[in-house]
PDB file of N, CA and C in Angstrom:
ATOM      1  N   VAL A   1      98.951 104.859 118.255  1.00  0.00           N
ATOM      2  CA  VAL A   1      99.182 104.947 116.810  1.00  0.00           C
ATOM      3  C   VAL A   1      99.456 106.401 116.453  1.00  0.00           C
ATOM      4  N   GLN A   2     100.507 106.596 115.653  1.00  0.00           N
ATOM      5  CA  GLN A   2     100.835 107.953 115.203  1.00  0.00           C
ATOM      6  C   GLN A   2     101.111 107.938 113.714  1.00  0.00           C
ATOM      7  N   LEU A   3     100.632 108.961 113.040  1.00  0.00           N
ATOM      8  CA  LEU A   3     100.901 109.160 111.623  1.00  0.00           C
ATOM      9  C   LEU A   3     101.570 110.526 111.492  1.00  0.00           C
ATOM     10  N   GLN A   4     102.783 110.535 110.958  1.00  0.00           N
ATOM     11  CA  GLN A   4     103.561 111.769 110.838  1.00  0.00           C
ATOM     12  C   GLN A   4     103.704 112.109 109.364  1.00  0.00           C
ATOM     13  N   ALA A   5     102.998 113.140 108.929  1.00  0.00           N
ATOM     14  CA  ALA A   5     103.062 113.570 107.535  1.00  0.00           C
ATOM     15  C   ALA A   5     104.150 114.625 107.365  1.00  0.00           C
ATOM     16  N   SER A   6     104.837 114.560 106.249  1.00  0.00           N
ATOM     17  CA  SER A   6     105.872 115.545 105.951  1.00  0.00           C
ATOM     18  C   SER A   6     106.037 115.664 104.442  1.00  0.00           C
ATOM     19  N   GLY A   7     106.803 116.686 104.026  1.00  0.00           N
ATOM     20  CA  GLY A   7     107.126 116.828 102.618  1.00  0.00           C
ATOM     21  C   GLY A   7     106.386 117.941 101.898  1.00  0.00           C
ATOM     22  N   GLY A   8     105.474 118.598 102.578  1.00  0.00           N
ATOM     23  CA  GLY A   8     104.762 119.689 101.936  1.00  0.00           C
ATOM     24  C   GLY A   8     105.669 120.883 101.709  1.00  0.00           C
ATOM     25  N   GLY A   9     105.145 121.858 100.972  1.00  0.00           N
ATOM     26  CA  GLY A   9     105.919 123.057 100.715  1.00  0.00           C
ATOM     27  C   GLY A   9     105.301 123.895  99.625  1.00  0.00           C
ATOM     28  N   LEU A  10     106.081 124.858  99.160  1.00  0.00           N
ATOM     29  CA  LEU A  10     105.657 125.759  98.088  1.00  0.00           C
ATOM     30  C   LEU A  10     106.351 125.364  96.801  1.00  0.00           C
ATOM     31  N   VAL A  11     105.589 125.207  95.747  1.00  0.00           N
ATOM     32  CA  VAL A  11     106.157 124.804  94.462  1.00  0.00           C
ATOM     33  C   VAL A  11     105.411 125.525  93.343  1.00  0.00           C
ATOM     34  N   GLN A  12     106.097 125.740  92.237  1.00  0.00           N
ATOM     35  CA  GLN A  12     105.443 126.365  91.083  1.00  0.00           C
ATOM     36  C   GLN A  12     104.603 125.345  90.327  1.00  0.00           C
ATOM     37  N   ALA A  13     103.617 125.833  89.630  1.00  0.00           N
ATOM     38  CA  ALA A  13     102.794 124.969  88.795  1.00  0.00           C
ATOM     39  C   ALA A  13     103.682 124.176  87.839  1.00  0.00           C
ATOM     40  N   GLY A  14     103.370 122.894  87.711  1.00  0.00           N
ATOM     41  CA  GLY A  14     104.177 122.013  86.888  1.00  0.00           C
ATOM     42  C   GLY A  14     105.256 121.282  87.648  1.00  0.00           C
ATOM     43  N   GLY A  15     105.478 121.702  88.877  1.00  0.00           N
ATOM     44  CA  GLY A  15     106.518 121.086  89.696  1.00  0.00           C
ATOM     45  C   GLY A  15     106.058 119.825  90.386  1.00  0.00           C
ATOM     46  N   SER A  16     106.937 119.299  91.238  1.00  0.00           N
ATOM     47  CA  SER A  16     106.681 118.035  91.931  1.00  0.00           C
ATOM     48  C   SER A  16     106.996 118.156  93.413  1.00  0.00           C
ATOM     49  N   LEU A  17     106.297 117.340  94.186  1.00  0.00           N
ATOM     50  CA  LEU A  17     106.579 117.172  95.609  1.00  0.00           C
ATOM     51  C   LEU A  17     106.336 115.716  95.962  1.00  0.00           C
ATOM     52  N   ARG A  18     107.028 115.245  96.993  1.00  0.00           N
ATOM     53  CA  ARG A  18     106.740 113.912  97.517  1.00  0.00           C
ATOM     54  C   ARG A  18     106.398 114.023  98.991  1.00  0.00           C
ATOM     55  N   LEU A  19     105.195 113.603  99.323  1.00  0.00           N
ATOM     56  CA  LEU A  19     104.766 113.578 100.716  1.00  0.00           C
ATOM     57  C   LEU A  19     105.076 112.207 101.307  1.00  0.00           C
ATOM     58  N   SER A  20     105.397 112.204 102.595  1.00  0.00           N
ATOM     59  CA  SER A  20     105.636 110.963 103.325  1.00  0.00           C
ATOM     60  C   SER A  20     104.710 110.898 104.525  1.00  0.00           C
ATOM     61  N   CYS A  21     104.259 109.692 104.838  1.00  0.00           N
ATOM     62  CA  CYS A  21     103.460 109.462 106.049  1.00  0.00           C
ATOM     63  C   CYS A  21     104.122 108.316 106.799  1.00  0.00           C
ATOM     64  N   ALA A  22     104.834 108.649 107.856  1.00  0.00           N
ATOM     65  CA  ALA A  22     105.488 107.638 108.687  1.00  0.00           C
ATOM     66  C   ALA A  22     104.503 107.162 109.740  1.00  0.00           C
ATOM     67  N   VAL A  23     104.263 105.852 109.754  1.00  0.00           N
ATOM     68  CA  VAL A  23     103.246 105.266 110.632  1.00  0.00           C
ATOM     69  C   VAL A  23     103.926 104.488 111.753  1.00  0.00           C
ATOM     70  N   SER A  24     103.474 104.699 112.959  1.00  0.00           N
ATOM     71  CA  SER A  24     103.978 103.921 114.093  1.00  0.00           C
ATOM     72  C   SER A  24     102.800 103.409 114.917  1.00  0.00           C
ATOM     73  N   GLY A  25     102.989 102.241 115.517  1.00  0.00           N
ATOM     74  CA  GLY A  25     101.950 101.670 116.357  1.00  0.00           C
ATOM     75  C   GLY A  25     100.994 100.745 115.633  1.00  0.00           C
ATOM     76  N   ILE A  26     101.126 100.640 114.321  1.00  0.00           N
ATOM     77  CA  ILE A  26     100.269  99.761 113.530  1.00  0.00           C
ATOM     78  C   ILE A  26     101.038  99.447 112.250  1.00  0.00           C
ATOM     79  N   THR A  27     100.891  98.230 111.751  1.00  0.00           N
ATOM     80  CA  THR A  27     101.653  97.876 110.557  1.00  0.00           C
ATOM     81  C   THR A  27     100.816  98.057 109.293  1.00  0.00           C
ATOM     82  N   LEU A  28     101.500  98.379 108.206  1.00  0.00           N
ATOM     83  CA  LEU A  28     100.807  98.648 106.950  1.00  0.00           C
ATOM     84  C   LEU A  28     100.185  97.383 106.366  1.00  0.00           C
ATOM     85  N   THR A  29     100.638  96.221 106.805  1.00  0.00           N
ATOM     86  CA  THR A  29     100.100  94.985 106.249  1.00  0.00           C
ATOM     87  C   THR A  29      98.663  94.718 106.697  1.00  0.00           C
ATOM     88  N   VAL A  30      98.196  95.441 107.720  1.00  0.00           N
ATOM     89  CA  VAL A  30      96.827  95.250 108.186  1.00  0.00           C
ATOM     90  C   VAL A  30      96.022  96.546 108.090  1.00  0.00           C
ATOM     91  N   THR A  31      96.529  97.499 107.337  1.00  0.00           N
ATOM     92  CA  THR A  31      95.944  98.840 107.353  1.00  0.00           C
ATOM     93  C   THR A  31      95.859  99.398 105.943  1.00  0.00           C
ATOM     94  N   THR A  32      94.766 100.068 105.654  1.00  0.00           N
ATOM     95  CA  THR A  32      94.666 100.865 104.428  1.00  0.00           C
ATOM     96  C   THR A  32      95.064 102.293 104.773  1.00  0.00           C
ATOM     97  N   ILE A  33      95.966 102.845 103.985  1.00  0.00           N
ATOM     98  CA  ILE A  33      96.418 104.224 104.202  1.00  0.00           C
ATOM     99  C   ILE A  33      95.906 105.085 103.056  1.00  0.00           C
ATOM    100  N   ALA A  34      95.417 106.246 103.402  1.00  0.00           N
ATOM    101  CA  ALA A  34      94.906 107.166 102.392  1.00  0.00           C
ATOM    102  C   ALA A  34      95.462 108.559 102.643  1.00  0.00           C
ATOM    103  N   TRP A  35      95.557 109.311 101.553  1.00  0.00           N
ATOM    104  CA  TRP A  35      95.842 110.734 101.625  1.00  0.00           C
ATOM    105  C   TRP A  35      94.543 111.481 101.309  1.00  0.00           C
ATOM    106  N   TYR A  36      94.225 112.429 102.157  1.00  0.00           N
ATOM    107  CA  TYR A  36      93.111 113.339 101.937  1.00  0.00           C
ATOM    108  C   TYR A  36      93.678 114.751 101.846  1.00  0.00           C
ATOM    109  N   ARG A  37      92.883 115.648 101.299  1.00  0.00           N
ATOM    110  CA  ARG A  37      93.289 117.046 101.293  1.00  0.00           C
ATOM    111  C   ARG A  37      92.080 117.938 101.558  1.00  0.00           C
ATOM    112  N   GLN A  38      92.385 119.102 102.093  1.00  0.00           N
ATOM    113  CA  GLN A  38      91.321 120.063 102.381  1.00  0.00           C
ATOM    114  C   GLN A  38      91.821 121.457 102.045  1.00  0.00           C
ATOM    115  N   ALA A  39      91.149 122.068 101.080  1.00  0.00           N
ATOM    116  CA  ALA A  39      91.456 123.443 100.700  1.00  0.00           C
ATOM    117  C   ALA A  39      90.587 124.376 101.543  1.00  0.00           C
ATOM    118  N   PRO A  40      90.990 125.635 101.692  1.00  0.00           N
ATOM    119  CA  PRO A  40      90.212 126.581 102.488  1.00  0.00           C
ATOM    120  C   PRO A  40      88.768 126.670 101.993  1.00  0.00           C
ATOM    121  N   GLY A  41      87.822 126.536 102.913  1.00  0.00           N
ATOM    122  CA  GLY A  41      86.414 126.644 102.559  1.00  0.00           C
ATOM    123  C   GLY A  41      85.836 125.420 101.871  1.00  0.00           C
ATOM    124  N   GLU A  42      86.653 124.392 101.724  1.00  0.00           N
ATOM    125  CA  GLU A  42      86.193 123.180 101.040  1.00  0.00           C
ATOM    126  C   GLU A  42      86.129 122.002 102.019  1.00  0.00           C
ATOM    127  N   GLN A  43      85.397 120.962 101.603  1.00  0.00           N
ATOM    128  CA  GLN A  43      85.358 119.740 102.403  1.00  0.00           C
ATOM    129  C   GLN A  43      86.619 118.924 102.159  1.00  0.00           C
ATOM    130  N   ARG A  44      86.957 118.130 103.146  1.00  0.00           N
ATOM    131  CA  ARG A  44      88.092 117.235 102.984  1.00  0.00           C
ATOM    132  C   ARG A  44      87.736 116.177 101.946  1.00  0.00           C
ATOM    133  N   GLU A  45      88.680 115.896 101.035  1.00  0.00           N
ATOM    134  CA  GLU A  45      88.401 114.938  99.966  1.00  0.00           C
ATOM    135  C   GLU A  45      89.516 113.907  99.872  1.00  0.00           C
ATOM    136  N   LEU A  46      89.123 112.717  99.434  1.00  0.00           N
ATOM    137  CA  LEU A  46      90.091 111.644  99.231  1.00  0.00           C
ATOM    138  C   LEU A  46      90.942 111.947  98.006  1.00  0.00           C
ATOM    139  N   VAL A  47      92.253 111.803  98.164  1.00  0.00           N
ATOM    140  CA  VAL A  47      93.175 111.984  97.046  1.00  0.00           C
ATOM    141  C   VAL A  47      93.594 110.626  96.496  1.00  0.00           C
ATOM    142  N   ALA A  48      94.052 109.745  97.365  1.00  0.00           N
ATOM    143  CA  ALA A  48      94.510 108.430  96.944  1.00  0.00           C
ATOM    144  C   ALA A  48      94.569 107.515  98.159  1.00  0.00           C
ATOM    145  N   SER A  49      94.447 106.212  97.900  1.00  0.00           N
ATOM    146  CA  SER A  49      94.579 105.245  98.985  1.00  0.00           C
ATOM    147  C   SER A  49      95.320 104.021  98.484  1.00  0.00           C
ATOM    148  N   ILE A  50      95.930 103.302  99.428  1.00  0.00           N
ATOM    149  CA  ILE A  50      96.627 102.063  99.105  1.00  0.00           C
ATOM    150  C   ILE A  50      96.229 101.033 100.146  1.00  0.00           C
ATOM    151  N   GLY A  51      95.760  99.872  99.644  1.00  0.00           N
ATOM    152  CA  GLY A  51      95.202  98.868 100.528  1.00  0.00           C
ATOM    153  C   GLY A  51      96.220  97.854 101.003  1.00  0.00           C
ATOM    154  N   LEU A  52      95.682  96.827 101.668  1.00  0.00           N
ATOM    155  CA  LEU A  52      96.523  95.820 102.298  1.00  0.00           C
ATOM    156  C   LEU A  52      97.404  95.100 101.280  1.00  0.00           C
ATOM    157  N   ARG A  53      96.850  94.864 100.093  1.00  0.00           N
ATOM    158  CA  ARG A  53      97.605  94.177  99.043  1.00  0.00           C
ATOM    159  C   ARG A  53      98.099  95.160  97.992  1.00  0.00           C
ATOM    160  N   SER A  54      98.262  96.418  98.416  1.00  0.00           N
ATOM    161  CA  SER A  54      98.788  97.483  97.548  1.00  0.00           C
ATOM    162  C   SER A  54      97.837  97.866  96.423  1.00  0.00           C
ATOM    163  N   THR A  55      96.573  97.549  96.574  1.00  0.00           N
ATOM    164  CA  THR A  55      95.582  98.046  95.622  1.00  0.00           C
ATOM    165  C   THR A  55      95.443  99.552  95.804  1.00  0.00           C
ATOM    166  N   THR A  56      95.457 100.274  94.697  1.00  0.00           N
ATOM    167  CA  THR A  56      95.410 101.732  94.788  1.00  0.00           C
ATOM    168  C   THR A  56      94.111 102.295  94.208  1.00  0.00           C
ATOM    169  N   VAL A  57      93.708 103.426  94.780  1.00  0.00           N
ATOM    170  CA  VAL A  57      92.542 104.166  94.313  1.00  0.00           C
ATOM    171  C   VAL A  57      92.947 105.628  94.230  1.00  0.00           C
ATOM    172  N   TYR A  58      92.514 106.313  93.174  1.00  0.00           N
ATOM    173  CA  TYR A  58      92.846 107.720  92.994  1.00  0.00           C
ATOM    174  C   TYR A  58      91.599 108.538  92.698  1.00  0.00           C
ATOM    175  N   ALA A  59      91.600 109.766  93.158  1.00  0.00           N
ATOM    176  CA  ALA A  59      90.575 110.708  92.729  1.00  0.00           C
ATOM    177  C   ALA A  59      90.795 111.015  91.253  1.00  0.00           C
ATOM    178  N   ASP A  60      89.704 111.244  90.539  1.00  0.00           N
ATOM    179  CA  ASP A  60      89.829 111.526  89.099  1.00  0.00           C
ATOM    180  C   ASP A  60      90.734 112.726  88.845  1.00  0.00           C
ATOM    181  N   SER A  61      90.697 113.681  89.747  1.00  0.00           N
ATOM    182  CA  SER A  61      91.447 114.925  89.538  1.00  0.00           C
ATOM    183  C   SER A  61      92.963 114.747  89.602  1.00  0.00           C
ATOM    184  N   VAL A  62      93.430 113.614  90.146  1.00  0.00           N
ATOM    185  CA  VAL A  62      94.881 113.421  90.280  1.00  0.00           C
ATOM    186  C   VAL A  62      95.391 112.219  89.486  1.00  0.00           C
ATOM    187  N   LYS A  63      94.506 111.484  88.856  1.00  0.00           N
ATOM    188  CA  LYS A  63      94.928 110.308  88.083  1.00  0.00           C
ATOM    189  C   LYS A  63      95.925 110.707  87.011  1.00  0.00           C
ATOM    190  N   GLY A  64      96.997 109.933  86.921  1.00  0.00           N
ATOM    191  CA  GLY A  64      98.024 110.202  85.934  1.00  0.00           C
ATOM    192  C   GLY A  64      99.073 111.206  86.397  1.00  0.00           C
ATOM    193  N   ARG A  65      98.813 111.862  87.524  1.00  0.00           N
ATOM    194  CA  ARG A  65      99.773 112.847  88.047  1.00  0.00           C
ATOM    195  C   ARG A  65     100.341 112.443  89.399  1.00  0.00           C
ATOM    196  N   PHE A  66      99.524 111.819  90.224  1.00  0.00           N
ATOM    197  CA  PHE A  66      99.938 111.417  91.567  1.00  0.00           C
ATOM    198  C   PHE A  66     100.102 109.904  91.620  1.00  0.00           C
ATOM    199  N   THR A  67     101.055 109.468  92.437  1.00  0.00           N
ATOM    200  CA  THR A  67     101.271 108.041  92.650  1.00  0.00           C
ATOM    201  C   THR A  67     101.432 107.777  94.146  1.00  0.00           C
ATOM    202  N   ILE A  68     100.624 106.856  94.670  1.00  0.00           N
ATOM    203  CA  ILE A  68     100.748 106.461  96.070  1.00  0.00           C
ATOM    204  C   ILE A  68     101.494 105.138  96.129  1.00  0.00           C
ATOM    205  N   SER A  69     102.381 105.028  97.099  1.00  0.00           N
ATOM    206  CA  SER A  69     103.151 103.797  97.260  1.00  0.00           C
ATOM    207  C   SER A  69     103.467 103.613  98.735  1.00  0.00           C
ATOM    208  N   LYS A  70     103.944 102.414  99.071  1.00  0.00           N
ATOM    209  CA  LYS A  70     104.284 102.176 100.471  1.00  0.00           C
ATOM    210  C   LYS A  70     105.517 101.299 100.580  1.00  0.00           C
ATOM    211  N   ASP A  71     106.216 101.474 101.690  1.00  0.00           N
ATOM    212  CA  ASP A  71     107.378 100.664 102.027  1.00  0.00           C
ATOM    213  C   ASP A  71     107.049  99.998 103.362  1.00  0.00           C
ATOM    214  N   ASN A  72     106.661  98.724 103.288  1.00  0.00           N
ATOM    215  CA  ASN A  72     106.255  98.023 104.509  1.00  0.00           C
ATOM    216  C   ASN A  72     107.398  97.929 105.516  1.00  0.00           C
ATOM    217  N   ALA A  73     108.626  97.808 105.035  1.00  0.00           N
ATOM    218  CA  ALA A  73     109.768  97.693 105.937  1.00  0.00           C
ATOM    219  C   ALA A  73     109.966  98.973 106.743  1.00  0.00           C
ATOM    220  N   LYS A  74     109.682 100.103 106.109  1.00  0.00           N
ATOM    221  CA  LYS A  74     109.835 101.398 106.795  1.00  0.00           C
ATOM    222  C   LYS A  74     108.510 101.877 107.402  1.00  0.00           C
ATOM    223  N   ASN A  75     107.435 101.113 107.167  1.00  0.00           N
ATOM    224  CA  ASN A  75     106.107 101.502 107.644  1.00  0.00           C
ATOM    225  C   ASN A  75     105.760 102.932 107.235  1.00  0.00           C
ATOM    226  N   THR A  76     106.041 103.231 105.982  1.00  0.00           N
ATOM    227  CA  THR A  76     105.863 104.589 105.464  1.00  0.00           C
ATOM    228  C   THR A  76     105.121 104.534 104.132  1.00  0.00           C
ATOM    229  N   VAL A  77     104.230 105.489 103.953  1.00  0.00           N
ATOM    230  CA  VAL A  77     103.476 105.628 102.704  1.00  0.00           C
ATOM    231  C   VAL A  77     103.891 106.943 102.060  1.00  0.00           C
ATOM    232  N   TYR A  78     103.989 106.926 100.740  1.00  0.00           N
ATOM    233  CA  TYR A  78     104.425 108.101 100.002  1.00  0.00           C
ATOM    234  C   TYR A  78     103.343 108.540  99.025  1.00  0.00           C
ATOM    235  N   LEU A  79     103.333 109.820  98.736  1.00  0.00           N
ATOM    236  CA  LEU A  79     102.478 110.355  97.670  1.00  0.00           C
ATOM    237  C   LEU A  79     103.366 111.215  96.777  1.00  0.00           C
ATOM    238  N   GLN A  80     103.701 110.668  95.619  1.00  0.00           N
ATOM    239  CA  GLN A  80     104.474 111.420  94.634  1.00  0.00           C
ATOM    240  C   GLN A  80     103.511 112.261  93.817  1.00  0.00           C
ATOM    241  N   MET A  81     103.715 113.550  93.824  1.00  0.00           N
ATOM    242  CA  MET A  81     102.816 114.471  93.140  1.00  0.00           C
ATOM    243  C   MET A  81     103.598 115.183  92.031  1.00  0.00           C
ATOM    244  N   ASN A  82     103.217 114.919  90.804  1.00  0.00           N
ATOM    245  CA  ASN A  82     103.856 115.540  89.636  1.00  0.00           C
ATOM    246  C   ASN A  82     102.863 116.440  88.917  1.00  0.00           C
ATOM    247  N   SER A  83     103.379 117.295  88.067  1.00  0.00           N
ATOM    248  CA  SER A  83     102.542 118.195  87.269  1.00  0.00           C
ATOM    249  C   SER A  83     101.532 118.925  88.158  1.00  0.00           C
ATOM    250  N   LEU A  84     102.024 119.466  89.235  1.00  0.00           N
ATOM    251  CA  LEU A  84     101.138 120.103  90.201  1.00  0.00           C
ATOM    252  C   LEU A  84     100.450 121.327  89.613  1.00  0.00           C
ATOM    253  N   LYS A  85      99.214 121.535  90.043  1.00  0.00           N
ATOM    254  CA  LYS A  85      98.394 122.648  89.582  1.00  0.00           C
ATOM    255  C   LYS A  85      98.010 123.521  90.784  1.00  0.00           C
ATOM    256  N   PRO A  86      97.699 124.779  90.556  1.00  0.00           N
ATOM    257  CA  PRO A  86      97.268 125.630  91.683  1.00  0.00           C
ATOM    258  C   PRO A  86      96.088 125.034  92.449  1.00  0.00           C
ATOM    259  N   GLU A  87      95.211 124.316  91.747  1.00  0.00           N
ATOM    260  CA  GLU A  87      94.055 123.724  92.428  1.00  0.00           C
ATOM    261  C   GLU A  87      94.422 122.549  93.323  1.00  0.00           C
ATOM    262  N   ASP A  88      95.679 122.123  93.312  1.00  0.00           N
ATOM    263  CA  ASP A  88      96.143 121.092  94.242  1.00  0.00           C
ATOM    264  C   ASP A  88      96.519 121.698  95.594  1.00  0.00           C
ATOM    265  N   THR A  89      96.492 123.008  95.692  1.00  0.00           N
ATOM    266  CA  THR A  89      96.824 123.679  96.947  1.00  0.00           C
ATOM    267  C   THR A  89      95.832 123.282  98.031  1.00  0.00           C
ATOM    268  N   ALA A  90      96.355 122.782  99.146  1.00  0.00           N
ATOM    269  CA  ALA A  90      95.517 122.297 100.239  1.00  0.00           C
ATOM    270  C   ALA A  90      96.412 121.823 101.375  1.00  0.00           C
ATOM    271  N   VAL A  91      95.789 121.539 102.490  1.00  0.00           N
ATOM    272  CA  VAL A  91      96.467 120.800 103.553  1.00  0.00           C
ATOM    273  C   VAL A  91      96.217 119.315 103.289  1.00  0.00           C
ATOM    274  N   TYR A  92      97.275 118.551 103.254  1.00  0.00           N
ATOM    275  CA  TYR A  92      97.188 117.125 102.971  1.00  0.00           C
ATOM    276  C   TYR A  92      97.339 116.337 104.271  1.00  0.00           C
ATOM    277  N   TYR A  93      96.432 115.377 104.460  1.00  0.00           N
ATOM    278  CA  TYR A  93      96.409 114.565 105.673  1.00  0.00           C
ATOM    279  C   TYR A  93      96.549 113.087 105.318  1.00  0.00           C
ATOM    280  N   CYS A  94      97.275 112.347 106.139  1.00  0.00           N
ATOM    281  CA  CYS A  94      97.260 110.905 105.957  1.00  0.00           C
ATOM    282  C   CYS A  94      96.325 110.270 106.979  1.00  0.00           C
ATOM    283  N   ASN A  95      95.744 109.163 106.560  1.00  0.00           N
ATOM    284  CA  ASN A  95      94.685 108.493 107.309  1.00  0.00           C
ATOM    285  C   ASN A  95      94.928 106.996 107.266  1.00  0.00           C
ATOM    286  N   ALA A  96      94.713 106.345 108.396  1.00  0.00           N
ATOM    287  CA  ALA A  96      94.864 104.895 108.469  1.00  0.00           C
ATOM    288  C   ALA A  96      93.547 104.265 108.899  1.00  0.00           C
ATOM    289  N   LYS A  97      93.138 103.225 108.189  1.00  0.00           N
ATOM    290  CA  LYS A  97      91.932 102.481 108.556  1.00  0.00           C
ATOM    291  C   LYS A  97      92.308 101.015 108.723  1.00  0.00           C
ATOM    292  N   ARG A  98      92.003 100.483 109.892  1.00  0.00           N
ATOM    293  CA  ARG A  98      92.225  99.067 110.159  1.00  0.00           C
ATOM    294  C   ARG A  98      90.875  98.395 110.201  1.00  0.00           C
ATOM    295  N   PRO A  99      90.686  97.327 109.419  1.00  0.00           N
ATOM    296  CA  PRO A  99      89.365  96.700 109.365  1.00  0.00           C
ATOM    297  C   PRO A  99      88.988  95.907 110.604  1.00  0.00           C
ATOM    298  N   ALA A 100      89.967  95.243 111.246  1.00  0.00           N
ATOM    299  CA  ALA A 100      89.627  94.397 112.392  1.00  0.00           C
ATOM    300  C   ALA A 100      90.784  94.356 113.383  1.00  0.00           C
ATOM    301  N   PRO A 101      90.563  94.725 114.628  1.00  0.00           N
ATOM    302  CA  PRO A 101      89.377  95.456 115.069  1.00  0.00           C
ATOM    303  C   PRO A 101      89.325  96.828 114.419  1.00  0.00           C
ATOM    304  N   ARG A 102      88.103  97.266 114.138  1.00  0.00           N
ATOM    305  CA  ARG A 102      87.877  98.489 113.377  1.00  0.00           C
ATOM    306  C   ARG A 102      88.458  99.701 114.099  1.00  0.00           C
ATOM    307  N   ALA A 103      89.263 100.469 113.361  1.00  0.00           N
ATOM    308  CA  ALA A 103      89.851 101.677 113.939  1.00  0.00           C
ATOM    309  C   ALA A 103      90.258 102.618 112.820  1.00  0.00           C
ATOM    310  N   GLU A 104      90.311 103.899 113.127  1.00  0.00           N
ATOM    311  CA  GLU A 104      90.713 104.907 112.148  1.00  0.00           C
ATOM    312  C   GLU A 104      91.563 105.948 112.854  1.00  0.00           C
ATOM    313  N   TYR A 105      92.621 106.364 112.176  1.00  0.00           N
ATOM    314  CA  TYR A 105      93.551 107.326 112.754  1.00  0.00           C
ATOM    315  C   TYR A 105      93.896 108.389 111.714  1.00  0.00           C
ATOM    316  N   TRP A 106      94.163 109.596 112.212  1.00  0.00           N
ATOM    317  CA  TRP A 106      94.556 110.712 111.343  1.00  0.00           C
ATOM    318  C   TRP A 106      95.893 111.266 111.796  1.00  0.00           C
ATOM    319  N   GLY A 107      96.674 111.705 110.827  1.00  0.00           N
ATOM    320  CA  GLY A 107      97.895 112.424 111.138  1.00  0.00           C
ATOM    321  C   GLY A 107      97.642 113.916 111.081  1.00  0.00           C
ATOM    322  N   GLN A 108      98.653 114.681 111.464  1.00  0.00           N
ATOM    323  CA  GLN A 108      98.544 116.126 111.310  1.00  0.00           C
ATOM    324  C   GLN A 108      98.726 116.448 109.830  1.00  0.00           C
ATOM    325  N   GLY A 109      98.287 117.564 109.388  1.00  0.00           N
ATOM    326  CA  GLY A 109      98.368 117.898 107.973  1.00  0.00           C
ATOM    327  C   GLY A 109      99.712 118.488 107.592  1.00  0.00           C
ATOM    328  N   THR A 110      99.964 118.475 106.296  1.00  0.00           N
ATOM    329  CA  THR A 110     101.134 119.159 105.746  1.00  0.00           C
ATOM    330  C   THR A 110     100.647 120.040 104.596  1.00  0.00           C
ATOM    331  N   GLN A 111     101.084 121.283 104.607  1.00  0.00           N
ATOM    332  CA  GLN A 111     100.580 122.259 103.641  1.00  0.00           C
ATOM    333  C   GLN A 111     101.297 122.115 102.298  1.00  0.00           C
ATOM    334  N   VAL A 112     100.511 122.056 101.246  1.00  0.00           N
ATOM    335  CA  VAL A 112     101.035 122.080  99.882  1.00  0.00           C
ATOM    336  C   VAL A 112     100.468 123.319  99.200  1.00  0.00           C
ATOM    337  N   THR A 113     101.351 124.166  98.699  1.00  0.00           N
ATOM    338  CA  THR A 113     100.934 125.379  98.009  1.00  0.00           C
ATOM    339  C   THR A 113     101.563 125.397  96.624  1.00  0.00           C
ATOM    340  N   VAL A 114     100.711 125.510  95.611  1.00  0.00           N
ATOM    341  CA  VAL A 114     101.180 125.525  94.226  1.00  0.00           C
ATOM    342  C   VAL A 114     100.894 126.905  93.647  1.00  0.00           C
ATOM    343  N   SER A 115     101.940 127.602  93.261  1.00  0.00           N
ATOM    344  CA  SER A 115     101.779 128.940  92.709  1.00  0.00           C
ATOM    345  C   SER A 115     101.666 128.891  91.191  1.00  0.00           C
ATOM    346  N   SER A 116     100.905 129.817  90.657  1.00  0.00           N
ATOM    347  CA  SER A 116     100.696 129.835  89.194  1.00  0.00           C
ATOM    348  C   SER A 116     101.761 130.673  88.496  1.00  0.00           C
TER     349      SER A 116
END
């Protein structure tokens, strides 16, 4: 199983970025995919997740600004990030959890930097 995250970069406050997580080796129909982020000196935190039936969960800090979605045909999950703030600066990681048989996978991170 591989998760390939991409789409990070440098953007000014108020701008937008779209992250992609291309998943191989496991299908999204049996997997919950989540985006986490970790800022320097901070713990990794959940940003958003999308479940088997496309149920979504968001951290309070990103509600109304970020949207998680998935394309089952492309086996790819997206995180549309709008109205970015400097405090959104972090390395963003995608994560896959399969309930049965139980398994969890992480992708490499992609850096998002928001300048003020």
